Amino acid sequence: MEFLTVKEQLKQLGEHVRNHRLAMNISQQELADRSGVSLKAVRNIESGANATLESFVSVCRSLRKTDWIASLTPPEMSRDDFERYMRGTETKRKRASRHV
């Protein structure tokens, strides 16, 4: 399995955004207008440069790609599950008894 650097992942995300924008046949400026972000923000996202999470989410919503955002959301966890996880007791093993 190959692991990408953060810069490589951002570049890959930007390529997906650009490809989807082009498939929708809209310009960067039109995407910026629809998203309520600046043209520079769209360019930054598409190039894998510095962009805010807010800009990325706005652009994804405008591209109707909310599934991209949802895929980043961690699974639901109950408070009890979370507390067990934080205590680290969830995976502790017990010693087998010698008595059969």
PDB file of N, CA and C in Angstrom:
ATOM      1  N   MET A   1       0.842  -1.178   0.000  1.00  0.00           N
ATOM      2  CA  MET A   1       0.000   0.000   0.000  1.00  0.00           C
ATOM      3  C   MET A   1       0.892   1.248   0.000  1.00  0.00           C
ATOM      4  N   GLU A   2       0.588   2.167  -0.853  1.00  0.00           N
ATOM      5  CA  GLU A   2       1.379   3.387  -0.973  1.00  0.00           C
ATOM      6  C   GLU A   2       0.711   4.519  -0.201  1.00  0.00           C
ATOM      7  N   PHE A   3       1.504   5.222   0.605  1.00  0.00           N
ATOM      8  CA  PHE A   3       0.992   6.347   1.363  1.00  0.00           C
ATOM      9  C   PHE A   3       1.428   7.639   0.694  1.00  0.00           C
ATOM     10  N   LEU A   4       0.494   8.556   0.558  1.00  0.00           N
ATOM     11  CA  LEU A   4       0.787   9.846  -0.051  1.00  0.00           C
ATOM     12  C   LEU A   4       1.142  10.854   1.024  1.00  0.00           C
ATOM     13  N   THR A   5       1.962  11.814   0.659  1.00  0.00           N
ATOM     14  CA  THR A   5       2.228  12.924   1.568  1.00  0.00           C
ATOM     15  C   THR A   5       1.003  13.825   1.592  1.00  0.00           C
ATOM     16  N   VAL A   6       0.975  14.738   2.546  1.00  0.00           N
ATOM     17  CA  VAL A   6      -0.146  15.677   2.629  1.00  0.00           C
ATOM     18  C   VAL A   6      -0.233  16.495   1.339  1.00  0.00           C
ATOM     19  N   LYS A   7       0.910  16.966   0.844  1.00  0.00           N
ATOM     20  CA  LYS A   7       0.910  17.757  -0.398  1.00  0.00           C
ATOM     21  C   LYS A   7       0.374  16.944  -1.568  1.00  0.00           C
ATOM     22  N   GLU A   8       0.746  15.679  -1.634  1.00  0.00           N
ATOM     23  CA  GLU A   8       0.258  14.817  -2.714  1.00  0.00           C
ATOM     24  C   GLU A   8      -1.247  14.597  -2.608  1.00  0.00           C
ATOM     25  N   GLN A   9      -1.734  14.438  -1.383  1.00  0.00           N
ATOM     26  CA  GLN A   9      -3.173  14.252  -1.190  1.00  0.00           C
ATOM     27  C   GLN A   9      -3.945  15.508  -1.568  1.00  0.00           C
ATOM     28  N   LEU A  10      -3.427  16.679  -1.184  1.00  0.00           N
ATOM     29  CA  LEU A  10      -4.092  17.930  -1.536  1.00  0.00           C
ATOM     30  C   LEU A  10      -4.120  18.121  -3.051  1.00  0.00           C
ATOM     31  N   LYS A  11      -3.033  17.772  -3.702  1.00  0.00           N
ATOM     32  CA  LYS A  11      -2.970  17.877  -5.159  1.00  0.00           C
ATOM     33  C   LYS A  11      -3.985  16.933  -5.800  1.00  0.00           C
ATOM     34  N   GLN A  12      -4.082  15.727  -5.267  1.00  0.00           N
ATOM     35  CA  GLN A  12      -5.033  14.749  -5.786  1.00  0.00           C
ATOM     36  C   GLN A  12      -6.480  15.227  -5.596  1.00  0.00           C
ATOM     37  N   LEU A  13      -6.778  15.775  -4.416  1.00  0.00           N
ATOM     38  CA  LEU A  13      -8.117  16.330  -4.180  1.00  0.00           C
ATOM     39  C   LEU A  13      -8.408  17.456  -5.160  1.00  0.00           C
ATOM     40  N   GLY A  14      -7.424  18.321  -5.367  1.00  0.00           N
ATOM     41  CA  GLY A  14      -7.588  19.431  -6.306  1.00  0.00           C
ATOM     42  C   GLY A  14      -7.862  18.954  -7.718  1.00  0.00           C
ATOM     43  N   GLU A  15      -7.188  17.895  -8.119  1.00  0.00           N
ATOM     44  CA  GLU A  15      -7.419  17.333  -9.457  1.00  0.00           C
ATOM     45  C   GLU A  15      -8.847  16.803  -9.585  1.00  0.00           C
ATOM     46  N   HIS A  16      -9.345  16.173  -8.523  1.00  0.00           N
ATOM     47  CA  HIS A  16     -10.728  15.681  -8.545  1.00  0.00           C
ATOM     48  C   HIS A  16     -11.710  16.842  -8.660  1.00  0.00           C
ATOM     49  N   VAL A  17     -11.453  17.903  -7.914  1.00  0.00           N
ATOM     50  CA  VAL A  17     -12.322  19.080  -7.989  1.00  0.00           C
ATOM     51  C   VAL A  17     -12.298  19.652  -9.407  1.00  0.00           C
ATOM     52  N   ARG A  18     -11.099  19.836  -9.958  1.00  0.00           N
ATOM     53  CA  ARG A  18     -10.971  20.399 -11.309  1.00  0.00           C
ATOM     54  C   ARG A  18     -11.673  19.511 -12.344  1.00  0.00           C
ATOM     55  N   ASN A  19     -11.437  18.205 -12.272  1.00  0.00           N
ATOM     56  CA  ASN A  19     -12.061  17.287 -13.230  1.00  0.00           C
ATOM     57  C   ASN A  19     -13.584  17.331 -13.144  1.00  0.00           C
ATOM     58  N   HIS A  20     -14.101  17.403 -11.936  1.00  0.00           N
ATOM     59  CA  HIS A  20     -15.560  17.461 -11.779  1.00  0.00           C
ATOM     60  C   HIS A  20     -16.107  18.798 -12.286  1.00  0.00           C
ATOM     61  N   ARG A  21     -15.380  19.882 -12.008  1.00  0.00           N
ATOM     62  CA  ARG A  21     -15.807  21.201 -12.513  1.00  0.00           C
ATOM     63  C   ARG A  21     -15.841  21.199 -14.035  1.00  0.00           C
ATOM     64  N   LEU A  22     -14.807  20.648 -14.645  1.00  0.00           N
ATOM     65  CA  LEU A  22     -14.753  20.602 -16.110  1.00  0.00           C
ATOM     66  C   LEU A  22     -15.850  19.712 -16.683  1.00  0.00           C
ATOM     67  N   ALA A  23     -16.144  18.607 -16.001  1.00  0.00           N
ATOM     68  CA  ALA A  23     -17.227  17.724 -16.447  1.00  0.00           C
ATOM     69  C   ALA A  23     -18.576  18.438 -16.400  1.00  0.00           C
ATOM     70  N   MET A  24     -18.714  19.386 -15.466  1.00  0.00           N
ATOM     71  CA  MET A  24     -19.939  20.180 -15.362  1.00  0.00           C
ATOM     72  C   MET A  24     -19.918  21.370 -16.327  1.00  0.00           C
ATOM     73  N   ASN A  25     -18.771  21.539 -17.009  1.00  0.00           N
ATOM     74  CA  ASN A  25     -18.601  22.599 -17.998  1.00  0.00           C
ATOM     75  C   ASN A  25     -18.802  23.994 -17.403  1.00  0.00           C
ATOM     76  N   ILE A  26     -18.160  24.228 -16.253  1.00  0.00           N
ATOM     77  CA  ILE A  26     -18.212  25.562 -15.654  1.00  0.00           C
ATOM     78  C   ILE A  26     -16.786  26.068 -15.436  1.00  0.00           C
ATOM     79  N   SER A  27     -16.645  27.368 -15.473  1.00  0.00           N
ATOM     80  CA  SER A  27     -15.331  27.990 -15.292  1.00  0.00           C
ATOM     81  C   SER A  27     -14.992  28.084 -13.811  1.00  0.00           C
ATOM     82  N   GLN A  28     -13.732  28.368 -13.534  1.00  0.00           N
ATOM     83  CA  GLN A  28     -13.321  28.576 -12.143  1.00  0.00           C
ATOM     84  C   GLN A  28     -14.080  29.748 -11.545  1.00  0.00           C
ATOM     85  N   GLN A  29     -14.259  30.814 -12.326  1.00  0.00           N
ATOM     86  CA  GLN A  29     -14.976  31.988 -11.817  1.00  0.00           C
ATOM     87  C   GLN A  29     -16.426  31.652 -11.494  1.00  0.00           C
ATOM     88  N   GLU A  30     -17.058  30.868 -12.358  1.00  0.00           N
ATOM     89  CA  GLU A  30     -18.446  30.480 -12.101  1.00  0.00           C
ATOM     90  C   GLU A  30     -18.547  29.614 -10.846  1.00  0.00           C
ATOM     91  N   LEU A  31     -17.592  28.715 -10.661  1.00  0.00           N
ATOM     92  CA  LEU A  31     -17.586  27.892  -9.453  1.00  0.00           C
ATOM     93  C   LEU A  31     -17.379  28.758  -8.220  1.00  0.00           C
ATOM     94  N   ALA A  32     -16.485  29.727  -8.320  1.00  0.00           N
ATOM     95  CA  ALA A  32     -16.250  30.645  -7.201  1.00  0.00           C
ATOM     96  C   ALA A  32     -17.534  31.388  -6.855  1.00  0.00           C
ATOM     97  N   ASP A  33     -18.221  31.906  -7.883  1.00  0.00           N
ATOM     98  CA  ASP A  33     -19.473  32.641  -7.663  1.00  0.00           C
ATOM     99  C   ASP A  33     -20.533  31.745  -7.023  1.00  0.00           C
ATOM    100  N   ARG A  34     -20.683  30.541  -7.535  1.00  0.00           N
ATOM    101  CA  ARG A  34     -21.685  29.618  -6.991  1.00  0.00           C
ATOM    102  C   ARG A  34     -21.365  29.219  -5.547  1.00  0.00           C
ATOM    103  N   SER A  35     -20.079  29.125  -5.244  1.00  0.00           N
ATOM    104  CA  SER A  35     -19.647  28.662  -3.929  1.00  0.00           C
ATOM    105  C   SER A  35     -19.570  29.763  -2.890  1.00  0.00           C
ATOM    106  N   GLY A  36     -19.523  31.003  -3.350  1.00  0.00           N
ATOM    107  CA  GLY A  36     -19.369  32.114  -2.415  1.00  0.00           C
ATOM    108  C   GLY A  36     -17.949  32.248  -1.909  1.00  0.00           C
ATOM    109  N   VAL A  37     -16.987  31.765  -2.698  1.00  0.00           N
ATOM    110  CA  VAL A  37     -15.578  31.894  -2.340  1.00  0.00           C
ATOM    111  C   VAL A  37     -14.880  32.691  -3.434  1.00  0.00           C
ATOM    112  N   SER A  38     -13.663  33.081  -3.179  1.00  0.00           N
ATOM    113  CA  SER A  38     -12.927  33.860  -4.173  1.00  0.00           C
ATOM    114  C   SER A  38     -12.389  32.954  -5.287  1.00  0.00           C
ATOM    115  N   LEU A  39     -12.086  33.569  -6.409  1.00  0.00           N
ATOM    116  CA  LEU A  39     -11.461  32.856  -7.507  1.00  0.00           C
ATOM    117  C   LEU A  39     -10.134  32.264  -7.051  1.00  0.00           C
ATOM    118  N   LYS A  40      -9.400  33.024  -6.250  1.00  0.00           N
ATOM    119  CA  LYS A  40      -8.119  32.540  -5.729  1.00  0.00           C
ATOM    120  C   LYS A  40      -8.307  31.278  -4.895  1.00  0.00           C
ATOM    121  N   ALA A  41      -9.380  31.210  -4.118  1.00  0.00           N
ATOM    122  CA  ALA A  41      -9.654  30.023  -3.302  1.00  0.00           C
ATOM    123  C   ALA A  41      -9.879  28.807  -4.191  1.00  0.00           C
ATOM    124  N   VAL A  42     -10.630  28.977  -5.269  1.00  0.00           N
ATOM    125  CA  VAL A  42     -10.864  27.864  -6.202  1.00  0.00           C
ATOM    126  C   VAL A  42      -9.544  27.434  -6.831  1.00  0.00           C
ATOM    127  N   ARG A  43      -8.749  28.403  -7.252  1.00  0.00           N
ATOM    128  CA  ARG A  43      -7.450  28.079  -7.855  1.00  0.00           C
ATOM    129  C   ARG A  43      -6.548  27.352  -6.857  1.00  0.00           C
ATOM    130  N   ASN A  44      -6.560  27.810  -5.616  1.00  0.00           N
ATOM    131  CA  ASN A  44      -5.757  27.147  -4.581  1.00  0.00           C
ATOM    132  C   ASN A  44      -6.201  25.702  -4.375  1.00  0.00           C
ATOM    133  N   ILE A  45      -7.492  25.480  -4.303  1.00  0.00           N
ATOM    134  CA  ILE A  45      -8.014  24.125  -4.109  1.00  0.00           C
ATOM    135  C   ILE A  45      -7.592  23.234  -5.274  1.00  0.00           C
ATOM    136  N   GLU A  46      -7.797  23.723  -6.483  1.00  0.00           N
ATOM    137  CA  GLU A  46      -7.491  22.910  -7.666  1.00  0.00           C
ATOM    138  C   GLU A  46      -6.002  22.636  -7.820  1.00  0.00           C
ATOM    139  N   SER A  47      -5.176  23.513  -7.318  1.00  0.00           N
ATOM    140  CA  SER A  47      -3.727  23.306  -7.451  1.00  0.00           C
ATOM    141  C   SER A  47      -3.132  22.553  -6.264  1.00  0.00           C
ATOM    142  N   GLY A  48      -3.948  22.326  -5.240  1.00  0.00           N
ATOM    143  CA  GLY A  48      -3.451  21.638  -4.054  1.00  0.00           C
ATOM    144  C   GLY A  48      -2.707  22.563  -3.115  1.00  0.00           C
ATOM    145  N   ALA A  49      -2.898  23.857  -3.306  1.00  0.00           N
ATOM    146  CA  ALA A  49      -2.227  24.840  -2.452  1.00  0.00           C
ATOM    147  C   ALA A  49      -3.051  25.066  -1.188  1.00  0.00           C
ATOM    148  N   ASN A  50      -2.600  26.007  -0.388  1.00  0.00           N
ATOM    149  CA  ASN A  50      -3.275  26.350   0.853  1.00  0.00           C
ATOM    150  C   ASN A  50      -4.720  26.763   0.588  1.00  0.00           C
ATOM    151  N   ALA A  51      -5.658  26.080   1.222  1.00  0.00           N
ATOM    152  CA  ALA A  51      -7.071  26.435   1.115  1.00  0.00           C
ATOM    153  C   ALA A  51      -7.720  26.117   2.451  1.00  0.00           C
ATOM    154  N   THR A  52      -8.743  26.855   2.781  1.00  0.00           N
ATOM    155  CA  THR A  52      -9.424  26.589   4.044  1.00  0.00           C
ATOM    156  C   THR A  52     -10.398  25.428   3.864  1.00  0.00           C
ATOM    157  N   LEU A  53     -10.696  24.776   4.963  1.00  0.00           N
ATOM    158  CA  LEU A  53     -11.687  23.710   4.947  1.00  0.00           C
ATOM    159  C   LEU A  53     -13.048  24.281   4.557  1.00  0.00           C
ATOM    160  N   GLU A  54     -13.333  25.490   5.018  1.00  0.00           N
ATOM    161  CA  GLU A  54     -14.600  26.137   4.680  1.00  0.00           C
ATOM    162  C   GLU A  54     -14.735  26.315   3.167  1.00  0.00           C
ATOM    163  N   SER A  55     -13.665  26.755   2.506  1.00  0.00           N
ATOM    164  CA  SER A  55     -13.697  26.919   1.052  1.00  0.00           C
ATOM    165  C   SER A  55     -13.890  25.576   0.361  1.00  0.00           C
ATOM    166  N   PHE A  56     -13.161  24.567   0.830  1.00  0.00           N
ATOM    167  CA  PHE A  56     -13.276  23.242   0.228  1.00  0.00           C
ATOM    168  C   PHE A  56     -14.695  22.705   0.344  1.00  0.00           C
ATOM    169  N   VAL A  57     -15.294  22.827   1.522  1.00  0.00           N
ATOM    170  CA  VAL A  57     -16.668  22.354   1.727  1.00  0.00           C
ATOM    171  C   VAL A  57     -17.633  23.131   0.838  1.00  0.00           C
ATOM    172  N   SER A  58     -17.471  24.438   0.746  1.00  0.00           N
ATOM    173  CA  SER A  58     -18.347  25.262  -0.095  1.00  0.00           C
ATOM    174  C   SER A  58     -18.253  24.850  -1.558  1.00  0.00           C
ATOM    175  N   VAL A  59     -17.042  24.614  -2.028  1.00  0.00           N
ATOM    176  CA  VAL A  59     -16.836  24.197  -3.414  1.00  0.00           C
ATOM    177  C   VAL A  59     -17.446  22.817  -3.649  1.00  0.00           C
ATOM    178  N   CYS A  60     -17.221  21.882  -2.741  1.00  0.00           N
ATOM    179  CA  CYS A  60     -17.800  20.542  -2.886  1.00  0.00           C
ATOM    180  C   CYS A  60     -19.326  20.595  -2.935  1.00  0.00           C
ATOM    181  N   ARG A  61     -19.907  21.423  -2.105  1.00  0.00           N
ATOM    182  CA  ARG A  61     -21.371  21.561  -2.114  1.00  0.00           C
ATOM    183  C   ARG A  61     -21.858  22.116  -3.442  1.00  0.00           C
ATOM    184  N   SER A  62     -21.138  23.090  -3.986  1.00  0.00           N
ATOM    185  CA  SER A  62     -21.533  23.667  -5.274  1.00  0.00           C
ATOM    186  C   SER A  62     -21.386  22.670  -6.419  1.00  0.00           C
ATOM    187  N   LEU A  63     -20.444  21.759  -6.277  1.00  0.00           N
ATOM    188  CA  LEU A  63     -20.244  20.720  -7.289  1.00  0.00           C
ATOM    189  C   LEU A  63     -21.163  19.518  -7.064  1.00  0.00           C
ATOM    190  N   ARG A  64     -22.018  19.621  -6.039  1.00  0.00           N
ATOM    191  CA  ARG A  64     -22.923  18.533  -5.652  1.00  0.00           C
ATOM    192  C   ARG A  64     -22.149  17.270  -5.284  1.00  0.00           C
ATOM    193  N   LYS A  65     -21.032  17.464  -4.594  1.00  0.00           N
ATOM    194  CA  LYS A  65     -20.196  16.350  -4.158  1.00  0.00           C
ATOM    195  C   LYS A  65     -20.128  16.301  -2.637  1.00  0.00           C
ATOM    196  N   THR A  66     -21.298  16.358  -2.001  1.00  0.00           N
ATOM    197  CA  THR A  66     -21.331  16.299  -0.539  1.00  0.00           C
ATOM    198  C   THR A  66     -20.909  14.923  -0.037  1.00  0.00           C
ATOM    199  N   ASP A  67     -20.951  13.915  -0.914  1.00  0.00           N
ATOM    200  CA  ASP A  67     -20.487  12.588  -0.509  1.00  0.00           C
ATOM    201  C   ASP A  67     -18.987  12.618  -0.211  1.00  0.00           C
ATOM    202  N   TRP A  68     -18.244  13.505  -0.866  1.00  0.00           N
ATOM    203  CA  TRP A  68     -16.818  13.641  -0.577  1.00  0.00           C
ATOM    204  C   TRP A  68     -16.629  14.112   0.860  1.00  0.00           C
ATOM    205  N   ILE A  69     -17.472  15.056   1.269  1.00  0.00           N
ATOM    206  CA  ILE A  69     -17.378  15.595   2.628  1.00  0.00           C
ATOM    207  C   ILE A  69     -17.813  14.531   3.635  1.00  0.00           C
ATOM    208  N   ALA A  70     -18.912  13.847   3.310  1.00  0.00           N
ATOM    209  CA  ALA A  70     -19.437  12.826   4.219  1.00  0.00           C
ATOM    210  C   ALA A  70     -18.434  11.703   4.432  1.00  0.00           C
ATOM    211  N   SER A  71     -17.637  11.404   3.415  1.00  0.00           N
ATOM    212  CA  SER A  71     -16.673  10.311   3.560  1.00  0.00           C
ATOM    213  C   SER A  71     -15.562  10.658   4.550  1.00  0.00           C
ATOM    214  N   LEU A  72     -15.416  11.925   4.889  1.00  0.00           N
ATOM    215  CA  LEU A  72     -14.412  12.358   5.856  1.00  0.00           C
ATOM    216  C   LEU A  72     -14.943  12.364   7.287  1.00  0.00           C
ATOM    217  N   THR A  73     -16.243  12.186   7.437  1.00  0.00           N
ATOM    218  CA  THR A  73     -16.872  12.244   8.753  1.00  0.00           C
ATOM    219  C   THR A  73     -16.649  10.932   9.497  1.00  0.00           C
ATOM    220  N   PRO A  74     -16.152  11.013  10.722  1.00  0.00           N
ATOM    221  CA  PRO A  74     -15.948   9.769  11.482  1.00  0.00           C
ATOM    222  C   PRO A  74     -17.281   9.107  11.812  1.00  0.00           C
ATOM    223  N   PRO A  75     -17.265   7.793  12.050  1.00  0.00           N
ATOM    224  CA  PRO A  75     -18.511   7.099  12.384  1.00  0.00           C
ATOM    225  C   PRO A  75     -19.069   7.590  13.713  1.00  0.00           C
ATOM    226  N   GLU A  76     -20.377   7.442  13.855  1.00  0.00           N
ATOM    227  CA  GLU A  76     -21.028   7.834  15.107  1.00  0.00           C
ATOM    228  C   GLU A  76     -20.519   6.943  16.237  1.00  0.00           C
ATOM    229  N   MET A  77     -20.347   7.540  17.391  1.00  0.00           N
ATOM    230  CA  MET A  77     -19.870   6.798  18.548  1.00  0.00           C
ATOM    231  C   MET A  77     -20.659   7.290  19.757  1.00  0.00           C
ATOM    232  N   SER A  78     -21.176   6.345  20.550  1.00  0.00           N
ATOM    233  CA  SER A  78     -21.913   6.749  21.750  1.00  0.00           C
ATOM    234  C   SER A  78     -20.932   7.326  22.762  1.00  0.00           C
ATOM    235  N   ARG A  79     -21.463   8.034  23.713  1.00  0.00           N
ATOM    236  CA  ARG A  79     -20.609   8.618  24.753  1.00  0.00           C
ATOM    237  C   ARG A  79     -19.865   7.529  25.521  1.00  0.00           C
ATOM    238  N   ASP A  80     -20.573   6.421  25.821  1.00  0.00           N
ATOM    239  CA  ASP A  80     -19.936   5.313  26.544  1.00  0.00           C
ATOM    240  C   ASP A  80     -18.805   4.716  25.714  1.00  0.00           C
ATOM    241  N   ASP A  81     -19.052   4.501  24.413  1.00  0.00           N
ATOM    242  CA  ASP A  81     -18.011   3.965  23.536  1.00  0.00           C
ATOM    243  C   ASP A  81     -16.809   4.906  23.497  1.00  0.00           C
ATOM    244  N   PHE A  82     -17.094   6.195  23.419  1.00  0.00           N
ATOM    245  CA  PHE A  82     -16.018   7.180  23.363  1.00  0.00           C
ATOM    246  C   PHE A  82     -15.199   7.160  24.654  1.00  0.00           C
ATOM    247  N   GLU A  83     -15.880   7.101  25.796  1.00  0.00           N
ATOM    248  CA  GLU A  83     -15.173   7.077  27.076  1.00  0.00           C
ATOM    249  C   GLU A  83     -14.334   5.811  27.219  1.00  0.00           C
ATOM    250  N   ARG A  84     -14.875   4.652  26.782  1.00  0.00           N
ATOM    251  CA  ARG A  84     -14.092   3.414  26.817  1.00  0.00           C
ATOM    252  C   ARG A  84     -12.873   3.537  25.909  1.00  0.00           C
ATOM    253  N   TYR A  85     -13.069   4.110  24.757  1.00  0.00           N
ATOM    254  CA  TYR A  85     -11.962   4.303  23.818  1.00  0.00           C
ATOM    255  C   TYR A  85     -10.876   5.187  24.435  1.00  0.00           C
ATOM    256  N   MET A  86     -11.294   6.269  25.064  1.00  0.00           N
ATOM    257  CA  MET A  86     -10.335   7.202  25.648  1.00  0.00           C
ATOM    258  C   MET A  86      -9.590   6.572  26.834  1.00  0.00           C
ATOM    259  N   ARG A  87     -10.261   5.682  27.566  1.00  0.00           N
ATOM    260  CA  ARG A  87      -9.603   4.999  28.685  1.00  0.00           C
ATOM    261  C   ARG A  87      -8.726   3.859  28.202  1.00  0.00           C
ATOM    262  N   GLY A  88      -8.973   3.397  26.985  1.00  0.00           N
ATOM    263  CA  GLY A  88      -8.186   2.303  26.437  1.00  0.00           C
ATOM    264  C   GLY A  88      -8.561   0.944  26.991  1.00  0.00           C
ATOM    265  N   THR A  89      -9.758   0.830  27.569  1.00  0.00           N
ATOM    266  CA  THR A  89     -10.159  -0.442  28.168  1.00  0.00           C
ATOM    267  C   THR A  89     -10.833  -1.362  27.162  1.00  0.00           C
ATOM    268  N   GLU A  90     -11.122  -0.857  26.018  1.00  0.00           N
ATOM    269  CA  GLU A  90     -11.886  -1.640  25.051  1.00  0.00           C
ATOM    270  C   GLU A  90     -11.133  -2.878  24.564  1.00  0.00           C
ATOM    271  N   THR A  91      -9.819  -2.819  24.454  1.00  0.00           N
ATOM    272  CA  THR A  91      -9.078  -3.920  23.865  1.00  0.00           C
ATOM    273  C   THR A  91      -8.219  -4.689  24.859  1.00  0.00           C
ATOM    274  N   LYS A  92      -8.377  -4.440  26.147  1.00  0.00           N
ATOM    275  CA  LYS A  92      -7.573  -5.169  27.132  1.00  0.00           C
ATOM    276  C   LYS A  92      -7.965  -6.634  27.132  1.00  0.00           C
ATOM    277  N   ARG A  93      -6.946  -7.481  27.186  1.00  0.00           N
ATOM    278  CA  ARG A  93      -7.173  -8.925  27.213  1.00  0.00           C
ATOM    279  C   ARG A  93      -7.130  -9.412  28.647  1.00  0.00           C
ATOM    280  N   LYS A  94      -7.903 -10.439  28.913  1.00  0.00           N
ATOM    281  CA  LYS A  94      -7.880 -11.052  30.225  1.00  0.00           C
ATOM    282  C   LYS A  94      -7.076 -12.344  30.140  1.00  0.00           C
ATOM    283  N   ARG A  95      -6.423 -12.649  31.224  1.00  0.00           N
ATOM    284  CA  ARG A  95      -5.626 -13.857  31.304  1.00  0.00           C
ATOM    285  C   ARG A  95      -6.551 -15.067  31.458  1.00  0.00           C
ATOM    286  N   ALA A  96      -6.248 -16.120  30.766  1.00  0.00           N
ATOM    287  CA  ALA A  96      -7.055 -17.342  30.894  1.00  0.00           C
ATOM    288  C   ALA A  96      -6.791 -17.969  32.254  1.00  0.00           C
ATOM    289  N   SER A  97      -7.829 -18.523  32.834  1.00  0.00           N
ATOM    290  CA  SER A  97      -7.607 -19.177  34.132  1.00  0.00           C
ATOM    291  C   SER A  97      -7.046 -20.567  33.921  1.00  0.00           C
ATOM    292  N   ARG A  98      -6.330 -21.052  34.898  1.00  0.00           N
ATOM    293  CA  ARG A  98      -5.717 -22.384  34.789  1.00  0.00           C
ATOM    294  C   ARG A  98      -6.720 -23.483  35.155  1.00  0.00           C
ATOM    295  N   HIS A  99      -7.818 -23.094  35.713  1.00  0.00           N
ATOM    296  CA  HIS A  99      -8.824 -24.075  36.148  1.00  0.00           C
ATOM    297  C   HIS A  99      -9.759 -24.380  35.004  1.00  0.00           C
ATOM    298  N   VAL A 100      -9.925 -25.665  34.751  1.00  0.00           N
ATOM    299  CA  VAL A 100     -10.818 -26.087  33.674  1.00  0.00           C
ATOM    300  C   VAL A 100     -12.054 -26.676  34.218  1.00  0.00           C
TER     301      VAL A 100
END
